[in-house]
Protein backbone atom coordinates (compact mmCIF):
# COMPACT_ATOMS: atom_id res chain seq x y z
CA MET A 1 7.51 21.38 -1.39
CA SER A 2 8.17 19.42 2.07
CA GLU A 3 11.66 18.31 3.07
CA ALA A 4 12.81 15.52 1.30
CA PRO A 5 12.64 12.04 3.07
CA THR A 6 15.80 10.24 3.41
CA LEU A 7 17.47 6.50 4.26
CA ASP A 8 18.45 7.72 7.94
CA TYR A 9 15.25 5.95 9.56
CA GLU A 10 15.68 3.02 7.81
CA ARG A 11 19.94 2.79 8.40
CA ARG A 12 19.26 2.65 11.92
CA PHE A 13 18.31 -1.51 11.45
CA ARG A 14 21.55 -1.63 10.17
CA SER A 15 22.97 -2.07 13.76
CA SER A 16 20.45 -5.35 14.27
CA GLY A 17 22.15 -7.27 11.08
CA ALA A 18 19.38 -6.35 8.60
CA ARG A 19 20.44 -5.22 4.79
CA LEU A 20 17.13 -5.69 2.94
CA LEU A 21 14.48 -3.57 4.30
CA ALA A 22 11.26 -3.43 3.01
CA GLY A 23 9.19 0.06 3.18
CA ILE A 24 5.56 -0.40 3.12
CA ASP A 25 2.51 1.68 2.94
CA GLU A 26 -1.24 1.68 2.12
CA VAL A 27 -3.72 3.72 -0.10
CA GLY A 28 -7.22 3.78 -0.49
CA ARG A 29 -8.31 2.45 2.94
CA GLY A 30 -10.86 5.53 3.51
CA ALA A 31 -12.22 5.00 -0.09
CA LEU A 32 -16.02 4.03 -0.26
CA ALA A 33 -15.59 1.94 -3.60
CA GLY A 34 -12.74 0.42 -4.96
CA PRO A 35 -9.44 -1.79 -3.38
CA VAL A 36 -7.33 -1.06 -0.64
CA SER A 37 -3.62 -1.12 -2.33
CA VAL A 38 -0.47 -1.61 -0.53
CA GLY A 39 2.93 -1.06 -2.08
CA ILE A 40 6.59 -2.09 -1.27
CA ALA A 41 9.91 -0.79 -1.85
CA VAL A 42 13.04 -2.96 -1.12
CA VAL A 43 15.88 -0.82 -0.32
CA ASP A 44 19.96 -2.07 0.44
CA LEU A 45 20.85 -0.32 3.97
CA GLN A 46 24.56 -0.78 2.86
CA GLU A 47 24.40 0.20 -1.00
CA GLN A 48 21.26 2.44 -1.52
CA GLY A 49 21.64 6.08 -2.37
CA LEU A 50 18.87 8.57 -2.35
CA LEU A 51 16.24 9.29 -4.94
CA ALA A 52 15.41 12.91 -5.82
CA ASP A 53 11.95 14.43 -5.82
CA VAL A 54 10.40 11.25 -4.07
CA ARG A 55 7.79 12.55 -1.46
CA ASP A 56 4.83 10.78 0.25
CA SER A 57 2.44 10.47 -2.77
CA LYS A 58 -0.47 12.98 -1.41
CA LEU A 59 1.98 15.54 -1.72
CA LEU A 60 2.87 14.68 -5.20
CA LYS A 61 1.38 16.12 -8.41
CA VAL A 62 0.02 13.18 -10.87
CA ALA A 63 2.41 13.63 -13.29
CA ASP A 64 4.69 13.84 -10.78
CA ARG A 65 3.91 10.53 -9.75
CA GLU A 66 3.66 9.01 -12.87
CA ARG A 67 7.20 10.15 -13.58
CA LEU A 68 8.59 8.75 -10.69
CA VAL A 69 7.23 5.15 -11.08
CA PRO A 70 9.72 3.64 -13.62
CA LEU A 71 12.33 5.77 -11.40
CA VAL A 72 11.57 4.08 -8.17
CA ARG A 73 11.12 0.52 -9.88
CA ASP A 74 14.82 0.77 -11.08
CA TRP A 75 16.14 2.27 -7.69
CA SER A 76 14.40 -0.74 -5.54
CA VAL A 77 16.04 -3.69 -5.23
CA ALA A 78 12.52 -5.25 -5.79
CA SER A 79 8.87 -3.55 -5.35
CA ALA A 80 5.54 -4.70 -6.01
CA VAL A 81 1.59 -3.95 -5.10
CA GLY A 82 -1.14 -5.77 -3.81
CA HIS A 83 -4.88 -5.08 -3.75
CA ALA A 84 -7.74 -6.23 -1.76
CA SER A 85 -11.04 -5.70 -3.88
CA ALA A 86 -14.24 -4.13 -2.17
CA GLY A 87 -15.81 -7.37 -2.12
CA GLU A 88 -12.68 -8.77 0.10
CA ILE A 89 -12.92 -5.56 2.39
CA ASP A 90 -16.43 -6.45 3.01
CA ALA A 91 -15.88 -10.02 4.14
CA LEU A 92 -12.53 -9.67 5.95
CA GLY A 93 -12.80 -5.97 7.55
CA ILE A 94 -10.37 -3.27 6.55
CA MET A 95 -7.24 -4.44 8.33
CA GLY A 96 -7.71 -8.29 7.31
CA ALA A 97 -8.24 -6.77 3.77
CA LEU A 98 -5.06 -4.91 4.40
CA ARG A 99 -2.88 -8.12 5.63
CA LEU A 100 -4.52 -9.57 2.60
CA ALA A 101 -3.22 -6.91 0.08
CA GLY A 102 0.02 -6.67 1.97
CA THR A 103 0.64 -10.33 1.78
CA ARG A 104 0.03 -10.23 -1.72
CA ALA A 105 2.88 -7.67 -2.44
CA TRP A 106 4.90 -9.27 -0.09
CA LEU A 107 4.40 -12.42 -1.99
CA ALA A 108 5.80 -11.17 -5.27
CA VAL A 109 8.77 -9.55 -3.95
CA LEU A 110 9.70 -13.34 -2.43
CA ALA A 111 8.78 -14.31 -5.82
CA ALA A 112 11.28 -12.34 -7.41
CA GLY A 113 14.05 -13.64 -5.53
CA VAL A 114 14.34 -11.07 -2.50
CA THR A 115 13.49 -11.83 0.89
CA PRO A 116 13.64 -8.62 3.24
CA ASP A 117 15.19 -8.97 6.56
CA VAL A 118 12.81 -6.21 7.94
CA VAL A 119 9.93 -4.37 7.37
CA LEU A 120 9.14 -0.49 7.94
CA LEU A 121 5.41 -0.09 8.30
CA ASP A 122 3.64 3.64 7.88
CA GLY A 123 1.46 4.17 10.89
CA SER A 124 1.05 2.76 14.39
CA HIS A 125 -0.29 -0.73 13.93
CA ASN A 126 1.02 -3.69 12.27
CA TRP A 127 -1.52 -5.15 10.08
CA LEU A 128 0.64 -7.26 7.71
CA SER A 129 1.93 -10.31 10.20
CA PRO A 130 -0.75 -13.27 9.83
CA ALA A 131 -3.22 -12.91 12.23
CA ALA A 132 -1.86 -16.02 14.41
CA GLN A 133 0.58 -18.44 14.17
CA ALA A 134 -0.71 -22.17 13.49
CA SER A 135 -0.22 -25.05 16.49
CA LEU A 136 0.53 -28.43 16.49
CA PHE A 137 -3.16 -28.79 17.22
CA ASP A 138 -4.07 -26.91 14.20
CA ASP A 139 -5.87 -28.57 11.45
CA GLU A 140 -5.43 -25.87 9.04
CA PRO A 141 -1.99 -24.91 7.51
CA ALA A 142 -0.46 -22.01 8.75
CA GLU A 143 -1.42 -18.47 7.02
CA ARG A 144 1.41 -17.75 4.09
CA GLY A 145 2.39 -14.03 4.93
CA CYS A 146 5.38 -11.78 6.02
CA GLU A 147 7.57 -13.76 8.60
CA ALA A 148 10.17 -10.74 8.62
CA PRO A 149 10.06 -8.49 12.05
CA VAL A 150 7.75 -5.56 11.61
CA HIS A 151 8.66 -2.15 12.74
CA THR A 152 5.89 0.77 12.61
CA LEU A 153 6.30 4.41 12.37
CA VAL A 154 3.58 7.12 12.41
CA LYS A 155 4.38 9.35 9.43
CA ALA A 156 6.89 7.06 7.58
CA ASP A 157 5.56 8.15 4.27
CA MET A 158 7.03 12.00 5.47
CA GLN A 159 10.32 10.89 6.73
CA CYS A 160 11.45 7.29 5.17
CA LEU A 161 12.43 7.33 1.73
CA SER A 162 11.44 3.78 1.15
CA VAL A 163 8.14 4.26 2.50
CA ALA A 164 7.57 7.21 0.36
CA ALA A 165 8.61 5.15 -2.74
CA ALA A 166 6.20 2.49 -1.68
CA SER A 167 3.31 5.11 -1.67
CA ILE A 168 3.90 6.37 -4.98
CA LEU A 169 3.86 2.79 -6.55
CA ALA A 170 0.54 2.06 -4.63
CA LYS A 171 -1.14 5.28 -5.45
CA VAL A 172 -0.56 5.35 -9.22
CA GLU A 173 -1.41 1.93 -9.57
CA ARG A 174 -4.49 2.22 -7.62
CA ASP A 175 -5.44 5.40 -9.43
CA ARG A 176 -5.36 3.97 -12.73
CA MET A 177 -7.67 0.95 -11.45
CA MET A 178 -10.08 3.85 -10.36
CA CYS A 179 -9.87 5.56 -13.82
CA GLU A 180 -10.51 2.09 -15.63
CA LEU A 181 -13.87 1.32 -13.54
CA HIS A 182 -14.94 4.65 -14.16
CA THR A 183 -15.58 4.00 -17.73
CA GLU A 184 -17.69 1.26 -16.32
CA TYR A 185 -19.64 3.37 -14.20
CA PRO A 186 -18.94 7.26 -15.35
CA ALA A 187 -21.90 8.64 -13.31
CA PHE A 188 -20.07 8.40 -9.85
CA GLY A 189 -16.45 10.39 -10.71
CA TRP A 190 -14.01 7.93 -9.89
CA HIS A 191 -11.62 9.39 -12.50
CA GLU A 192 -11.62 12.11 -10.27
CA ASN A 193 -12.42 11.30 -6.59
CA LYS A 194 -10.73 7.64 -6.69
CA GLY A 195 -13.73 6.07 -5.33
CA TYR A 196 -13.81 8.88 -1.86
CA GLY A 197 -16.83 10.13 -0.28
CA THR A 198 -16.83 13.30 -2.27
CA ALA A 199 -20.06 15.23 -2.25
CA ALA A 200 -20.56 14.27 -5.93
CA HIS A 201 -20.12 10.57 -4.95
CA LYS A 202 -22.48 10.36 -2.70
CA ASP A 203 -24.92 12.16 -4.84
CA ALA A 204 -24.52 9.25 -7.41
CA LEU A 205 -24.74 6.74 -4.66
CA ARG A 206 -28.07 8.40 -3.56
CA ALA A 207 -29.30 8.28 -7.13
CA ALA A 208 -28.16 5.11 -8.57
CA GLY A 209 -27.17 2.86 -5.08
CA PRO A 210 -24.16 1.01 -5.08
CA THR A 211 -21.94 -0.73 -7.78
CA PRO A 212 -20.19 -3.72 -7.28
CA TYR A 213 -17.29 -1.95 -6.28
CA HIS A 214 -18.53 -0.24 -3.48
CA ARG A 215 -17.91 -1.40 0.23
CA VAL A 216 -21.54 -2.15 0.78
CA SER A 217 -20.44 -3.11 4.41
CA TRP A 218 -19.78 0.74 5.43
CA GLN A 219 -21.77 3.42 5.97
CA LEU A 220 -21.90 4.76 2.53
CA LEU A 221 -24.09 7.58 3.23
């Protein structure tokens, strides 16, 4: 088992006056089928304690992830998971789809009455903030989205408890969706590969062609 993530990195943001921090992670970016999913877990930097057994979701067994979901939701000040479908990935590209999924999760947190002061995002690129700010000369209203400052950290899911918690929420919810889709298209083995490009998945694609849940704009084979 890897070293347990902590809130040490997150607590650095207290010096800038932040109290509520949203840890964010995505799941499914590299899959050939199914949605991309973004999890958010909000922590109180003044009062939050640690949560045992939480790790980056990829390091946990299925049963452990399932067991931790209600504990993470109880532990978090607020939490949510947002999704963008394969069709939306085809239409927007993966970065636009990540932003859409993340915005859906963000708006769910706001709807719960919680407004984070700062965001910690796993990775090296801020795909969450709105792509452009509207000016006085724009006809279209500004895109709704995350207005809090976003900080990125490579491998945040390994060392930051808020991000690891978010990864568990996103992973479990997306895996459940893929298992449900498996019952509709059992030949592709989504209950096992969760839409990723395994040999068996690609063999099924060659035999049957893509489903409505495949990202057809991608190089599937």
